[in-house]
Each structure stands twice: as structure tokens, then as C-alpha cells.
Amino acid sequence: MRSLYPQICQSCFPVKDKTLPDDAACMNLQTALKTAGFEARIVSTPFLGVCSAPTSLILQSEKRASYIFKDLDLKRDQADIIATCRLYLDSDNGWIEDTRECGRLRHLLHAKIPAI
């Protein structure tokens, strides 16, 4: 299995026509990632700084770039999250050059932080 460390920001208040993901949505995504061959334990993080567009997701892995995505729907975007995780772990240092396979997530990128 390939390891990554996704975190979901759940500190934002719901905005018009949106609700924050519940524990079931996070568990469903975690199960889908495991089924796709990833070792991932989704954890909640208190603040990712994109409160105006919840829900936010950060992808991290040791010695790789970090990505922050905003305005996600964990259920609707599940396949795109899995595709992005696959590209992320297959790329050098987590740096994704061609984002077309990321689907909708390529339009939801808030920040891309190089590996240290």
C-alpha cells in the first residue's frame, strides 16, 4: 500500500447551501481510498484557512509536496480525490505537472506547497 496523509478541515461554519462533512462522509472516503490501494487515515484538522469555501482537504506525504483543495463535496468528488491521490503518489516528490486526470479537483486547488 502507498501512504498518504489526507486531512479534512471541519472548523468552518456551513455556508449557504453547503454543510460540512460528517464523520460518515470522511469514513466513506477513507474506505474508498483503502479499496483503491492507499494506506490513508483521514483526520480532521482545525483550520486550513479557506473558510469561505468549505470543505477543504490537504494531501500530504513524507518528502512530497502538499496540496490544499477547497470547496469539495466528499461524496461527489470521491473519484477525483482518488485519481488525484494516485497521481500524487506516482509523481516525483508529489509534484503533479499534468492535472487533467484530477477532474474537478484541478479547479479547486487553493495552494501547492513544495516538499522540504
C-alpha atoms as a PDB file:
ATOM      1  CA  MET A   1       0.000   0.000   0.000  1.00  0.00           C
ATOM      2  CA  ARG A   2       1.089   3.564  -0.639  1.00  0.00           C
ATOM      3  CA  SER A   3       0.885   6.002   2.270  1.00  0.00           C
ATOM      4  CA  LEU A   4      -0.556   9.482   2.291  1.00  0.00           C
ATOM      5  CA  TYR A   5      -1.938  11.730   4.992  1.00  0.00           C
ATOM      6  CA  PRO A   6      -5.151  13.486   3.956  1.00  0.00           C
ATOM      7  CA  GLN A   7      -6.723  15.923   6.394  1.00  0.00           C
ATOM      8  CA  ILE A   8     -10.221  17.384   6.232  1.00  0.00           C
ATOM      9  CA  CYS A   9     -10.862  20.847   7.644  1.00  0.00           C
ATOM     10  CA  GLN A  10     -14.057  20.772   9.671  1.00  0.00           C
ATOM     11  CA  SER A  11     -13.775  24.024  11.578  1.00  0.00           C
ATOM     12  CA  CYS A  12     -15.735  26.211   9.168  1.00  0.00           C
ATOM     13  CA  PHE A  13     -19.332  27.099   9.712  1.00  0.00           C
ATOM     14  CA  PRO A  14     -21.676  25.870   6.993  1.00  0.00           C
ATOM     15  CA  VAL A  15     -22.314  28.458   4.332  1.00  0.00           C
ATOM     16  CA  LYS A  16     -25.421  28.913   2.213  1.00  0.00           C
ATOM     17  CA  ASP A  17     -26.452  25.643   0.544  1.00  0.00           C
ATOM     18  CA  LYS A  18     -23.446  23.765   1.967  1.00  0.00           C
ATOM     19  CA  THR A  19     -22.876  21.638   5.006  1.00  0.00           C
ATOM     20  CA  LEU A  20     -19.659  20.347   6.437  1.00  0.00           C
ATOM     21  CA  PRO A  21     -18.905  16.656   6.012  1.00  0.00           C
ATOM     22  CA  ASP A  22     -19.936  14.410   8.832  1.00  0.00           C
ATOM     23  CA  ASP A  23     -17.899  11.512  10.191  1.00  0.00           C
ATOM     24  CA  ALA A  24     -19.692   9.097   7.846  1.00  0.00           C
ATOM     25  CA  ALA A  25     -18.576  11.049   4.758  1.00  0.00           C
ATOM     26  CA  CYS A  26     -14.984  11.024   5.980  1.00  0.00           C
ATOM     27  CA  MET A  27     -15.144   7.293   6.747  1.00  0.00           C
ATOM     28  CA  ASN A  28     -16.640   6.576   3.304  1.00  0.00           C
ATOM     29  CA  LEU A  29     -13.760   8.432   1.654  1.00  0.00           C
ATOM     30  CA  GLN A  30     -11.218   6.628   3.831  1.00  0.00           C
ATOM     31  CA  THR A  31     -12.757   3.262   2.878  1.00  0.00           C
ATOM     32  CA  ALA A  32     -12.710   4.208  -0.821  1.00  0.00           C
ATOM     33  CA  LEU A  33      -9.033   5.196  -0.581  1.00  0.00           C
ATOM     34  CA  LYS A  34      -8.176   1.898   1.113  1.00  0.00           C
ATOM     35  CA  THR A  35     -10.132  -0.044  -1.537  1.00  0.00           C
ATOM     36  CA  ALA A  36      -8.116   1.826  -4.202  1.00  0.00           C
ATOM     37  CA  GLY A  37      -4.891   0.585  -2.592  1.00  0.00           C
ATOM     38  CA  PHE A  38      -3.883   3.547  -0.456  1.00  0.00           C
ATOM     39  CA  GLU A  39      -2.875   3.486   3.169  1.00  0.00           C
ATOM     40  CA  ALA A  40      -4.691   6.569   4.380  1.00  0.00           C
ATOM     41  CA  ARG A  41      -6.166   7.644   7.650  1.00  0.00           C
ATOM     42  CA  ILE A  42      -8.237  10.766   7.226  1.00  0.00           C
ATOM     43  CA  VAL A  43      -8.049  13.070  10.198  1.00  0.00           C
ATOM     44  CA  SER A  44      -9.809  16.298  10.991  1.00  0.00           C
ATOM     45  CA  THR A  45      -7.692  19.406  11.199  1.00  0.00           C
ATOM     46  CA  PRO A  46      -8.836  22.566  12.970  1.00  0.00           C
ATOM     47  CA  PHE A  47      -8.005  25.205  10.359  1.00  0.00           C
ATOM     48  CA  LEU A  48      -6.767  25.289   6.757  1.00  0.00           C
ATOM     49  CA  GLY A  49      -7.561  28.947   6.062  1.00  0.00           C
ATOM     50  CA  VAL A  50     -10.184  28.620   3.343  1.00  0.00           C
ATOM     51  CA  CYS A  51     -13.297  29.075   5.459  1.00  0.00           C
ATOM     52  CA  SER A  52     -15.088  30.916   2.659  1.00  0.00           C
ATOM     53  CA  ALA A  53     -15.145  27.691   0.591  1.00  0.00           C
ATOM     54  CA  PRO A  54     -15.592  24.625   2.813  1.00  0.00           C
ATOM     55  CA  THR A  55     -14.925  21.732   2.703  1.00  0.00           C
ATOM     56  CA  SER A  56     -11.123  21.770   2.464  1.00  0.00           C
ATOM     57  CA  LEU A  57      -8.746  18.843   2.032  1.00  0.00           C
ATOM     58  CA  ILE A  58      -4.982  18.745   2.378  1.00  0.00           C
ATOM     59  CA  LEU A  59      -2.892  15.964   0.808  1.00  0.00           C
ATOM     60  CA  GLN A  60       0.465  15.320   2.422  1.00  0.00           C
ATOM     61  CA  SER A  61       3.051  12.584   2.412  1.00  0.00           C
ATOM     62  CA  GLU A  62       6.593  12.400   3.685  1.00  0.00           C
ATOM     63  CA  LYS A  63       9.123  14.195   1.430  1.00  0.00           C
ATOM     64  CA  ARG A  64       6.392  15.248  -1.016  1.00  0.00           C
ATOM     65  CA  ALA A  65       4.617  18.445  -1.929  1.00  0.00           C
ATOM     66  CA  SER A  66       1.428  19.336  -0.061  1.00  0.00           C
ATOM     67  CA  TYR A  67      -1.832  20.342  -1.739  1.00  0.00           C
ATOM     68  CA  ILE A  68      -4.789  22.212  -0.282  1.00  0.00           C
ATOM     69  CA  PHE A  69      -8.102  21.879  -2.115  1.00  0.00           C
ATOM     70  CA  LYS A  70     -11.179  23.945  -1.290  1.00  0.00           C
ATOM     71  CA  ASP A  71     -14.927  23.746  -1.897  1.00  0.00           C
ATOM     72  CA  LEU A  72     -15.034  19.942  -2.026  1.00  0.00           C
ATOM     73  CA  ASP A  73     -18.025  17.680  -1.804  1.00  0.00           C
ATOM     74  CA  LEU A  74     -16.547  14.474  -0.377  1.00  0.00           C
ATOM     75  CA  LYS A  75     -19.240  12.287  -1.898  1.00  0.00           C
ATOM     76  CA  ARG A  76     -19.396  13.867  -5.366  1.00  0.00           C
ATOM     77  CA  ASP A  77     -15.619  14.378  -5.649  1.00  0.00           C
ATOM     78  CA  GLN A  78     -14.611  10.960  -4.314  1.00  0.00           C
ATOM     79  CA  ALA A  79     -13.444   9.538  -7.684  1.00  0.00           C
ATOM     80  CA  ASP A  80     -11.466  12.714  -8.430  1.00  0.00           C
ATOM     81  CA  ILE A  81      -9.862  12.619  -4.970  1.00  0.00           C
ATOM     82  CA  ILE A  82      -8.757   9.017  -5.580  1.00  0.00           C
ATOM     83  CA  ALA A  83      -7.415   9.885  -9.052  1.00  0.00           C
ATOM     84  CA  THR A  84      -5.518  12.848  -7.594  1.00  0.00           C
ATOM     85  CA  CYS A  85      -4.057  10.682  -4.810  1.00  0.00           C
ATOM     86  CA  ARG A  86      -2.875   8.196  -7.436  1.00  0.00           C
ATOM     87  CA  LEU A  87      -1.180  10.951  -9.483  1.00  0.00           C
ATOM     88  CA  TYR A  88       0.258  12.467  -6.328  1.00  0.00           C
ATOM     89  CA  LEU A  89       1.970   9.280  -5.196  1.00  0.00           C
ATOM     90  CA  ASP A  90       3.098   8.339  -8.716  1.00  0.00           C
ATOM     91  CA  SER A  91       4.755  11.720  -9.358  1.00  0.00           C
ATOM     92  CA  ASP A  92       8.256  12.798  -8.356  1.00  0.00           C
ATOM     93  CA  ASN A  93       8.129  14.425  -4.916  1.00  0.00           C
ATOM     94  CA  GLY A  94       4.331  14.683  -5.167  1.00  0.00           C
ATOM     95  CA  TRP A  95       4.586  17.429  -7.793  1.00  0.00           C
ATOM     96  CA  ILE A  96       1.746  16.908 -10.290  1.00  0.00           C
ATOM     97  CA  GLU A  97       2.501  18.555 -13.637  1.00  0.00           C
ATOM     98  CA  ASP A  98      -0.497  17.437 -15.731  1.00  0.00           C
ATOM     99  CA  THR A  99      -3.690  17.800 -13.699  1.00  0.00           C
ATOM    100  CA  ARG A 100      -6.234  16.694 -16.303  1.00  0.00           C
ATOM    101  CA  GLU A 101      -6.730  13.328 -14.563  1.00  0.00           C
ATOM    102  CA  CYS A 102      -7.603  15.153 -11.323  1.00  0.00           C
ATOM    103  CA  GLY A 103     -11.009  16.009 -12.771  1.00  0.00           C
ATOM    104  CA  ARG A 104     -12.829  18.748 -10.894  1.00  0.00           C
ATOM    105  CA  LEU A 105     -10.095  18.971  -8.238  1.00  0.00           C
ATOM    106  CA  ARG A 106      -7.775  20.768 -10.666  1.00  0.00           C
ATOM    107  CA  HIS A 107     -10.159  23.731 -10.440  1.00  0.00           C
ATOM    108  CA  LEU A 108     -10.390  23.560  -6.650  1.00  0.00           C
ATOM    109  CA  LEU A 109      -6.678  23.852  -5.864  1.00  0.00           C
ATOM    110  CA  HIS A 110      -6.048  26.544  -3.256  1.00  0.00           C
ATOM    111  CA  ALA A 111      -2.329  26.006  -2.581  1.00  0.00           C
ATOM    112  CA  LYS A 112       0.542  23.815  -3.759  1.00  0.00           C
ATOM    113  CA  ILE A 113       3.473  23.741  -1.326  1.00  0.00           C
ATOM    114  CA  PRO A 114       6.824  22.225  -2.381  1.00  0.00           C
ATOM    115  CA  ALA A 115       8.379  19.454  -0.308  1.00  0.00           C
ATOM    116  CA  ILE A 116      11.009  20.456   2.214  1.00  0.00           C
END
